[in-house]
Amino acid sequence: ITYEMEVYENQDFAGKAGCKEKININLFEVVKT
């Protein structure tokens, strides 16, 4: 697995921060990620 997270300033939210997450899942028995 490869996992990423970003926390950034975003004035549209009450806490003035947004969050981005991404995960890549690769089972050894399956070719597709």
PDB file of all heavy atoms in Angstrom:
ATOM      1  N   ILE A   1       0.842  -1.187   0.000  1.00  0.00           N
ATOM      2  CA  ILE A   1       0.000   0.000   0.000  1.00  0.00           C
ATOM      3  C   ILE A   1       0.881   1.242   0.000  1.00  0.00           C
ATOM      4  O   ILE A   1       1.918   1.277   0.665  1.00  0.00           O
ATOM      5  CB  ILE A   1      -0.946   0.009   1.224  1.00  0.00           C
ATOM      6  CG1 ILE A   1      -2.166  -0.871   0.959  1.00  0.00           C
ATOM      7  CG2 ILE A   1      -1.392   1.426   1.587  1.00  0.00           C
ATOM      8  CD1 ILE A   1      -3.102  -1.004   2.131  1.00  0.00           C
ATOM      9  N   THR A   2       0.451   2.252  -0.746  1.00  0.00           N
ATOM     10  CA  THR A   2       1.034   3.583  -0.666  1.00  0.00           C
ATOM     11  C   THR A   2      -0.082   4.546  -0.277  1.00  0.00           C
ATOM     12  O   THR A   2      -1.145   4.555  -0.898  1.00  0.00           O
ATOM     13  CB  THR A   2       1.654   4.017  -1.998  1.00  0.00           C
ATOM     14  OG1 THR A   2       2.675   3.093  -2.371  1.00  0.00           O
ATOM     15  CG2 THR A   2       2.271   5.399  -1.871  1.00  0.00           C
ATOM     16  N   TYR A   3       0.166   5.342   0.754  1.00  0.00           N
ATOM     17  CA  TYR A   3      -0.857   6.239   1.285  1.00  0.00           C
ATOM     18  C   TYR A   3      -0.303   7.658   1.335  1.00  0.00           C
ATOM     19  O   TYR A   3       0.853   7.882   1.700  1.00  0.00           O
ATOM     20  CB  TYR A   3      -1.279   5.791   2.686  1.00  0.00           C
ATOM     21  CG  TYR A   3      -2.185   6.756   3.423  1.00  0.00           C
ATOM     22  CD1 TYR A   3      -3.552   6.806   3.168  1.00  0.00           C
ATOM     23  CD2 TYR A   3      -1.666   7.619   4.382  1.00  0.00           C
ATOM     24  CE1 TYR A   3      -4.379   7.683   3.847  1.00  0.00           C
ATOM     25  CE2 TYR A   3      -2.483   8.500   5.074  1.00  0.00           C
ATOM     26  CZ  TYR A   3      -3.844   8.528   4.796  1.00  0.00           C
ATOM     27  OH  TYR A   3      -4.659   9.403   5.466  1.00  0.00           O
ATOM     28  N   GLU A   4      -1.148   8.640   0.972  1.00  0.00           N
ATOM     29  CA  GLU A   4      -0.769  10.048   1.008  1.00  0.00           C
ATOM     30  C   GLU A   4      -1.847  10.866   1.699  1.00  0.00           C
ATOM     31  O   GLU A   4      -3.036  10.576   1.578  1.00  0.00           O
ATOM     32  CB  GLU A   4      -0.563  10.590  -0.408  1.00  0.00           C
ATOM     33  CG  GLU A   4       0.545   9.914  -1.196  1.00  0.00           C
ATOM     34  CD  GLU A   4       0.677  10.453  -2.609  1.00  0.00           C
ATOM     35  OE1 GLU A   4       0.736  11.697  -2.755  1.00  0.00           O
ATOM     36  OE2 GLU A   4       0.700   9.651  -3.557  1.00  0.00           O
ATOM     37  N   MET A   5      -1.404  11.908   2.411  1.00  0.00           N
ATOM     38  CA  MET A   5      -2.321  12.862   3.015  1.00  0.00           C
ATOM     39  C   MET A   5      -1.751  14.265   2.884  1.00  0.00           C
ATOM     40  O   MET A   5      -0.544  14.468   3.045  1.00  0.00           O
ATOM     41  CB  MET A   5      -2.575  12.547   4.495  1.00  0.00           C
ATOM     42  CG  MET A   5      -3.476  13.580   5.195  1.00  0.00           C
ATOM     43  SD  MET A   5      -3.664  13.354   6.972  1.00  0.00           S
ATOM     44  CE  MET A   5      -4.792  11.982   7.036  1.00  0.00           C
ATOM     45  N   GLU A   6      -2.629  15.231   2.599  1.00  0.00           N
ATOM     46  CA  GLU A   6      -2.283  16.645   2.587  1.00  0.00           C
ATOM     47  C   GLU A   6      -3.273  17.410   3.458  1.00  0.00           C
ATOM     48  O   GLU A   6      -4.469  17.129   3.443  1.00  0.00           O
ATOM     49  CB  GLU A   6      -2.319  17.229   1.170  1.00  0.00           C
ATOM     50  CG  GLU A   6      -1.143  16.888   0.295  1.00  0.00           C
ATOM     51  CD  GLU A   6      -1.172  17.668  -1.018  1.00  0.00           C
ATOM     52  OE1 GLU A   6      -2.119  18.452  -1.240  1.00  0.00           O
ATOM     53  OE2 GLU A   6      -0.236  17.479  -1.819  1.00  0.00           O
ATOM     54  N   VAL A   7      -2.746  18.367   4.222  1.00  0.00           N
ATOM     55  CA  VAL A   7      -3.583  19.296   4.962  1.00  0.00           C
ATOM     56  C   VAL A   7      -3.241  20.686   4.451  1.00  0.00           C
ATOM     57  O   VAL A   7      -2.075  21.081   4.439  1.00  0.00           O
ATOM     58  CB  VAL A   7      -3.346  19.199   6.479  1.00  0.00           C
ATOM     59  CG1 VAL A   7      -4.223  20.213   7.218  1.00  0.00           C
ATOM     60  CG2 VAL A   7      -3.642  17.788   6.971  1.00  0.00           C
ATOM     61  N   TYR A   8      -4.249  21.435   4.022  1.00  0.00           N
ATOM     62  CA  TYR A   8      -4.015  22.715   3.367  1.00  0.00           C
ATOM     63  C   TYR A   8      -5.019  23.755   3.856  1.00  0.00           C
ATOM     64  O   TYR A   8      -6.074  23.430   4.410  1.00  0.00           O
ATOM     65  CB  TYR A   8      -4.121  22.564   1.847  1.00  0.00           C
ATOM     66  CG  TYR A   8      -5.492  22.112   1.362  1.00  0.00           C
ATOM     67  CD1 TYR A   8      -6.438  23.025   0.923  1.00  0.00           C
ATOM     68  CD2 TYR A   8      -5.836  20.763   1.344  1.00  0.00           C
ATOM     69  CE1 TYR A   8      -7.696  22.626   0.489  1.00  0.00           C
ATOM     70  CE2 TYR A   8      -7.083  20.342   0.921  1.00  0.00           C
ATOM     71  CZ  TYR A   8      -8.011  21.277   0.498  1.00  0.00           C
ATOM     72  OH  TYR A   8      -9.264  20.878   0.071  1.00  0.00           O
ATOM     73  N   GLU A   9      -4.694  25.003   3.641  1.00  0.00           N
ATOM     74  CA  GLU A   9      -5.579  26.097   4.028  1.00  0.00           C
ATOM     75  C   GLU A   9      -6.754  26.194   3.064  1.00  0.00           C
ATOM     76  O   GLU A   9      -6.576  26.205   1.854  1.00  0.00           O
ATOM     77  CB  GLU A   9      -4.814  27.421   4.064  1.00  0.00           C
ATOM     78  CG  GLU A   9      -5.602  28.571   4.662  1.00  0.00           C
ATOM     79  CD  GLU A   9      -4.759  29.824   4.783  1.00  0.00           C
ATOM     80  OE1 GLU A   9      -4.115  30.200   3.785  1.00  0.00           O
ATOM     81  OE2 GLU A   9      -4.733  30.430   5.867  1.00  0.00           O
ATOM     82  N   ASN A  10      -7.955  26.272   3.603  1.00  0.00           N
ATOM     83  CA  ASN A  10      -9.161  26.402   2.792  1.00  0.00           C
ATOM     84  C   ASN A  10     -10.169  27.249   3.560  1.00  0.00           C
ATOM     85  O   ASN A  10     -10.720  26.821   4.570  1.00  0.00           O
ATOM     86  CB  ASN A  10      -9.755  25.030   2.469  1.00  0.00           C
ATOM     87  CG  ASN A  10     -10.855  25.114   1.418  1.00  0.00           C
ATOM     88  OD1 ASN A  10     -11.669  26.044   1.413  1.00  0.00           O
ATOM     89  ND2 ASN A  10     -10.903  24.139   0.516  1.00  0.00           N
ATOM     90  N   GLN A  11     -10.423  28.453   3.073  1.00  0.00           N
ATOM     91  CA  GLN A  11     -11.288  29.396   3.755  1.00  0.00           C
ATOM     92  C   GLN A  11     -12.758  29.004   3.690  1.00  0.00           C
ATOM     93  O   GLN A  11     -13.597  29.623   4.358  1.00  0.00           O
ATOM     94  CB  GLN A  11     -11.102  30.796   3.163  1.00  0.00           C
ATOM     95  CG  GLN A  11      -9.685  31.353   3.293  1.00  0.00           C
ATOM     96  CD  GLN A  11      -9.270  31.582   4.736  1.00  0.00           C
ATOM     97  OE1 GLN A  11     -10.112  31.886   5.596  1.00  0.00           O
ATOM     98  NE2 GLN A  11      -7.979  31.434   5.025  1.00  0.00           N
ATOM     99  N   ASP A  12     -13.104  28.000   2.911  1.00  0.00           N
ATOM    100  CA  ASP A  12     -14.503  27.597   2.778  1.00  0.00           C
ATOM    101  C   ASP A  12     -15.014  26.798   3.975  1.00  0.00           C
ATOM    102  O   ASP A  12     -16.217  26.576   4.100  1.00  0.00           O
ATOM    103  CB  ASP A  12     -14.700  26.766   1.510  1.00  0.00           C
ATOM    104  CG  ASP A  12     -14.456  27.568   0.248  1.00  0.00           C
ATOM    105  OD1 ASP A  12     -14.589  28.810   0.301  1.00  0.00           O
ATOM    106  OD2 ASP A  12     -14.126  26.969  -0.791  1.00  0.00           O
ATOM    107  N   PHE A  13     -14.102  26.360   4.844  1.00  0.00           N
ATOM    108  CA  PHE A  13     -14.505  25.550   5.988  1.00  0.00           C
ATOM    109  C   PHE A  13     -14.352  26.333   7.280  1.00  0.00           C
ATOM    110  O   PHE A  13     -13.528  27.258   7.373  1.00  0.00           O
ATOM    111  CB  PHE A  13     -13.681  24.264   6.055  1.00  0.00           C
ATOM    112  CG  PHE A  13     -13.836  23.384   4.847  1.00  0.00           C
ATOM    113  CD1 PHE A  13     -12.769  23.172   3.992  1.00  0.00           C
ATOM    114  CD2 PHE A  13     -15.042  22.793   4.553  1.00  0.00           C
ATOM    115  CE1 PHE A  13     -12.908  22.377   2.877  1.00  0.00           C
ATOM    116  CE2 PHE A  13     -15.196  21.990   3.434  1.00  0.00           C
ATOM    117  CZ  PHE A  13     -14.133  21.788   2.595  1.00  0.00           C
ATOM    118  N   ALA A  14     -15.117  25.917   8.277  1.00  0.00           N
ATOM    119  CA  ALA A  14     -15.103  26.626   9.556  1.00  0.00           C
ATOM    120  C   ALA A  14     -13.719  26.591  10.199  1.00  0.00           C
ATOM    121  O   ALA A  14     -13.268  27.562  10.785  1.00  0.00           O
ATOM    122  CB  ALA A  14     -16.146  26.010  10.498  1.00  0.00           C
ATOM    123  N   GLY A  15     -13.057  25.447  10.119  1.00  0.00           N
ATOM    124  CA  GLY A  15     -11.708  25.326  10.674  1.00  0.00           C
ATOM    125  C   GLY A  15     -10.640  25.861   9.764  1.00  0.00           C
ATOM    126  O   GLY A  15      -9.455  25.851  10.109  1.00  0.00           O
ATOM    127  N   LYS A  16     -11.049  26.346   8.559  1.00  0.00           N
ATOM    128  CA  LYS A  16     -10.168  26.959   7.569  1.00  0.00           C
ATOM    129  C   LYS A  16      -9.043  26.031   7.098  1.00  0.00           C
ATOM    130  O   LYS A  16      -7.937  26.474   6.798  1.00  0.00           O
ATOM    131  CB  LYS A  16      -9.592  28.269   8.104  1.00  0.00           C
ATOM    132  CG  LYS A  16     -10.648  29.320   8.408  1.00  0.00           C
ATOM    133  CD  LYS A  16     -10.027  30.622   8.872  1.00  0.00           C
ATOM    134  CE  LYS A  16     -11.113  31.666   9.135  1.00  0.00           C
ATOM    135  NZ  LYS A  16     -10.537  32.951   9.614  1.00  0.00           N
ATOM    136  N   ALA A  17      -9.316  24.749   7.054  1.00  0.00           N
ATOM    137  CA  ALA A  17      -8.350  23.785   6.533  1.00  0.00           C
ATOM    138  C   ALA A  17      -9.088  22.661   5.849  1.00  0.00           C
ATOM    139  O   ALA A  17     -10.206  22.299   6.229  1.00  0.00           O
ATOM    140  CB  ALA A  17      -7.452  23.227   7.642  1.00  0.00           C
ATOM    141  N   GLY A  18      -8.455  22.131   4.790  1.00  0.00           N
ATOM    142  CA  GLY A  18      -9.012  21.000   4.069  1.00  0.00           C
ATOM    143  C   GLY A  18      -8.060  19.826   4.112  1.00  0.00           C
ATOM    144  O   GLY A  18      -6.890  19.946   4.505  1.00  0.00           O
ATOM    145  N   CYS A  19      -8.558  18.664   3.713  1.00  0.00           N
ATOM    146  CA  CYS A  19      -7.775  17.436   3.782  1.00  0.00           C
ATOM    147  C   CYS A  19      -7.933  16.642   2.496  1.00  0.00           C
ATOM    148  O   CYS A  19      -9.044  16.481   1.978  1.00  0.00           O
ATOM    149  CB  CYS A  19      -8.230  16.590   4.979  1.00  0.00           C
ATOM    150  SG  CYS A  19      -7.358  15.015   5.156  1.00  0.00           S
ATOM    151  N   LYS A  20      -6.821  16.155   1.970  1.00  0.00           N
ATOM    152  CA  LYS A  20      -6.823  15.257   0.822  1.00  0.00           C
ATOM    153  C   LYS A  20      -6.127  13.963   1.215  1.00  0.00           C
ATOM    154  O   LYS A  20      -5.090  13.982   1.882  1.00  0.00           O
ATOM    155  CB  LYS A  20      -6.088  15.882  -0.367  1.00  0.00           C
ATOM    156  CG  LYS A  20      -6.761  17.106  -0.971  1.00  0.00           C
ATOM    157  CD  LYS A  20      -5.937  17.628  -2.145  1.00  0.00           C
ATOM    158  CE  LYS A  20      -6.592  18.848  -2.783  1.00  0.00           C
ATOM    159  NZ  LYS A  20      -5.776  19.376  -3.913  1.00  0.00           N
ATOM    160  N   GLU A  21      -6.703  12.850   0.800  1.00  0.00           N
ATOM    161  CA  GLU A  21      -6.114  11.540   1.049  1.00  0.00           C
ATOM    162  C   GLU A  21      -6.163  10.701  -0.224  1.00  0.00           C
ATOM    163  O   GLU A  21      -7.094  10.795  -1.016  1.00  0.00           O
ATOM    164  CB  GLU A  21      -6.881  10.797   2.148  1.00  0.00           C
ATOM    165  CG  GLU A  21      -6.846  11.427   3.519  1.00  0.00           C
ATOM    166  CD  GLU A  21      -7.722  10.677   4.494  1.00  0.00           C
ATOM    167  OE1 GLU A  21      -8.929  10.999   4.551  1.00  0.00           O
ATOM    168  OE2 GLU A  21      -7.218   9.772   5.181  1.00  0.00           O
ATOM    169  N   LYS A  22      -5.154   9.859  -0.376  1.00  0.00           N
ATOM    170  CA  LYS A  22      -5.106   8.958  -1.527  1.00  0.00           C
ATOM    171  C   LYS A  22      -4.417   7.664  -1.097  1.00  0.00           C
ATOM    172  O   LYS A  22      -3.426   7.690  -0.378  1.00  0.00           O
ATOM    173  CB  LYS A  22      -4.350   9.602  -2.691  1.00  0.00           C
ATOM    174  CG  LYS A  22      -4.302   8.758  -3.969  1.00  0.00           C
ATOM    175  CD  LYS A  22      -3.372   9.397  -4.997  1.00  0.00           C
ATOM    176  CE  LYS A  22      -3.856  10.781  -5.413  1.00  0.00           C
ATOM    177  NZ  LYS A  22      -2.933  11.386  -6.428  1.00  0.00           N
ATOM    178  N   ILE A  23      -4.954   6.535  -1.554  1.00  0.00           N
ATOM    179  CA  ILE A  23      -4.349   5.247  -1.240  1.00  0.00           C
ATOM    180  C   ILE A  23      -4.297   4.386  -2.491  1.00  0.00           C
ATOM    181  O   ILE A  23      -5.237   4.364  -3.288  1.00  0.00           O
ATOM    182  CB  ILE A  23      -5.123   4.526  -0.109  1.00  0.00           C
ATOM    183  CG1 ILE A  23      -4.326   3.332   0.429  1.00  0.00           C
ATOM    184  CG2 ILE A  23      -6.513   4.096  -0.564  1.00  0.00           C
ATOM    185  CD1 ILE A  23      -4.892   2.780   1.730  1.00  0.00           C
ATOM    186  N   ASN A  24      -3.173   3.732  -2.722  1.00  0.00           N
ATOM    187  CA  ASN A  24      -2.996   2.750  -3.793  1.00  0.00           C
ATOM    188  C   ASN A  24      -2.849   1.378  -3.167  1.00  0.00           C
ATOM    189  O   ASN A  24      -1.971   1.156  -2.319  1.00  0.00           O
ATOM    190  CB  ASN A  24      -1.772   3.080  -4.642  1.00  0.00           C
ATOM    191  CG  ASN A  24      -2.009   4.281  -5.534  1.00  0.00           C
ATOM    192  OD1 ASN A  24      -2.813   4.244  -6.445  1.00  0.00           O
ATOM    193  ND2 ASN A  24      -1.295   5.357  -5.263  1.00  0.00           N
ATOM    194  N   ILE A  25      -3.710   0.447  -3.569  1.00  0.00           N
ATOM    195  CA  ILE A  25      -3.765  -0.897  -3.002  1.00  0.00           C
ATOM    196  C   ILE A  25      -3.349  -1.908  -4.066  1.00  0.00           C
ATOM    197  O   ILE A  25      -3.909  -1.944  -5.155  1.00  0.00           O
ATOM    198  CB  ILE A  25      -5.186  -1.229  -2.510  1.00  0.00           C
ATOM    199  CG1 ILE A  25      -5.737  -0.102  -1.623  1.00  0.00           C
ATOM    200  CG2 ILE A  25      -5.214  -2.556  -1.782  1.00  0.00           C
ATOM    201  CD1 ILE A  25      -7.236  -0.151  -1.436  1.00  0.00           C
ATOM    202  N   ASN A  26      -2.371  -2.723  -3.747  1.00  0.00           N
ATOM    203  CA  ASN A  26      -1.864  -3.715  -4.697  1.00  0.00           C
ATOM    204  C   ASN A  26      -1.742  -5.064  -4.011  1.00  0.00           C
ATOM    205  O   ASN A  26      -0.824  -5.291  -3.231  1.00  0.00           O
ATOM    206  CB  ASN A  26      -0.515  -3.275  -5.265  1.00  0.00           C
ATOM    207  CG  ASN A  26       0.034  -4.265  -6.272  1.00  0.00           C
ATOM    208  OD1 ASN A  26      -0.707  -5.034  -6.885  1.00  0.00           O
ATOM    209  ND2 ASN A  26       1.340  -4.253  -6.429  1.00  0.00           N
ATOM    210  N   LEU A  27      -2.686  -5.962  -4.256  1.00  0.00           N
ATOM    211  CA  LEU A  27      -2.574  -7.333  -3.785  1.00  0.00           C
ATOM    212  C   LEU A  27      -1.605  -8.101  -4.674  1.00  0.00           C
ATOM    213  O   LEU A  27      -1.652  -7.986  -5.892  1.00  0.00           O
ATOM    214  CB  LEU A  27      -3.939  -8.020  -3.780  1.00  0.00           C
ATOM    215  CG  LEU A  27      -4.943  -7.585  -2.709  1.00  0.00           C
ATOM    216  CD1 LEU A  27      -6.280  -8.253  -2.965  1.00  0.00           C
ATOM    217  CD2 LEU A  27      -4.447  -7.933  -1.316  1.00  0.00           C
ATOM    218  N   PHE A  28      -0.725  -8.892  -4.045  1.00  0.00           N
ATOM    219  CA  PHE A  28       0.271  -9.618  -4.819  1.00  0.00           C
ATOM    220  C   PHE A  28      -0.350 -10.629  -5.776  1.00  0.00           C
ATOM    221  O   PHE A  28       0.215 -10.941  -6.820  1.00  0.00           O
ATOM    222  CB  PHE A  28       1.263 -10.309  -3.883  1.00  0.00           C
ATOM    223  CG  PHE A  28       2.126  -9.354  -3.106  1.00  0.00           C
ATOM    224  CD1 PHE A  28       2.471  -9.610  -1.790  1.00  0.00           C
ATOM    225  CD2 PHE A  28       2.591  -8.197  -3.694  1.00  0.00           C
ATOM    226  CE1 PHE A  28       3.267  -8.734  -1.076  1.00  0.00           C
ATOM    227  CE2 PHE A  28       3.390  -7.300  -2.988  1.00  0.00           C
ATOM    228  CZ  PHE A  28       3.729  -7.573  -1.682  1.00  0.00           C
ATOM    229  N   GLU A  29      -1.512 -11.152  -5.434  1.00  0.00           N
ATOM    230  CA  GLU A  29      -2.180 -12.130  -6.278  1.00  0.00           C
ATOM    231  C   GLU A  29      -3.016 -11.495  -7.383  1.00  0.00           C
ATOM    232  O   GLU A  29      -3.566 -12.185  -8.224  1.00  0.00           O
ATOM    233  CB  GLU A  29      -3.078 -13.026  -5.432  1.00  0.00           C
ATOM    234  CG  GLU A  29      -4.192 -12.276  -4.708  1.00  0.00           C
ATOM    235  CD  GLU A  29      -5.006 -13.167  -3.798  1.00  0.00           C
ATOM    236  OE1 GLU A  29      -4.482 -14.191  -3.335  1.00  0.00           O
ATOM    237  OE2 GLU A  29      -6.165 -12.841  -3.554  1.00  0.00           O
ATOM    238  N   VAL A  30      -3.100 -10.148  -7.382  1.00  0.00           N
ATOM    239  CA  VAL A  30      -3.877  -9.423  -8.383  1.00  0.00           C
ATOM    240  C   VAL A  30      -2.960  -8.439  -9.100  1.00  0.00           C
ATOM    241  O   VAL A  30      -2.222  -7.695  -8.471  1.00  0.00           O
ATOM    242  CB  VAL A  30      -5.057  -8.668  -7.742  1.00  0.00           C
ATOM    243  CG1 VAL A  30      -5.853  -7.918  -8.807  1.00  0.00           C
ATOM    244  CG2 VAL A  30      -5.966  -9.627  -6.982  1.00  0.00           C
ATOM    245  N   VAL A  31      -3.018  -8.415 -10.407  1.00  0.00           N
ATOM    246  CA  VAL A  31      -2.136  -7.552 -11.188  1.00  0.00           C
ATOM    247  C   VAL A  31      -2.528  -6.086 -11.062  1.00  0.00           C
ATOM    248  O   VAL A  31      -1.688  -5.196 -10.958  1.00  0.00           O
ATOM    249  CB  VAL A  31      -2.141  -7.976 -12.676  1.00  0.00           C
ATOM    250  CG1 VAL A  31      -1.283  -7.023 -13.509  1.00  0.00           C
ATOM    251  CG2 VAL A  31      -1.662  -9.411 -12.817  1.00  0.00           C
ATOM    252  N   LYS A  32      -3.821  -5.788 -11.033  1.00  0.00           N
ATOM    253  CA  LYS A  32      -4.323  -4.433 -11.065  1.00  0.00           C
ATOM    254  C   LYS A  32      -4.149  -3.727  -9.724  1.00  0.00           C
ATOM    255  O   LYS A  32      -4.388  -4.292  -8.666  1.00  0.00           O
ATOM    256  CB  LYS A  32      -5.800  -4.428 -11.458  1.00  0.00           C
ATOM    257  CG  LYS A  32      -6.410  -3.041 -11.615  1.00  0.00           C
ATOM    258  CD  LYS A  32      -7.872  -3.143 -12.005  1.00  0.00           C
ATOM    259  CE  LYS A  32      -8.493  -1.754 -12.131  1.00  0.00           C
ATOM    260  NZ  LYS A  32      -9.937  -1.833 -12.491  1.00  0.00           N
ATOM    261  N   THR A  33      -3.720  -2.454  -9.775  1.00  0.00           N
ATOM    262  CA  THR A  33      -3.627  -1.602  -8.598  1.00  0.00           C
ATOM    263  C   THR A  33      -4.908  -0.790  -8.455  1.00  0.00           C
ATOM    264  O   THR A  33      -5.375  -0.179  -9.416  1.00  0.00           O
ATOM    265  CB  THR A  33      -2.421  -0.660  -8.686  1.00  0.00           C
ATOM    266  OG1 THR A  33      -1.219  -1.428  -8.755  1.00  0.00           O
ATOM    267  CG2 THR A  33      -2.356   0.258  -7.483  1.00  0.00           C
TER     268      THR A  33
END
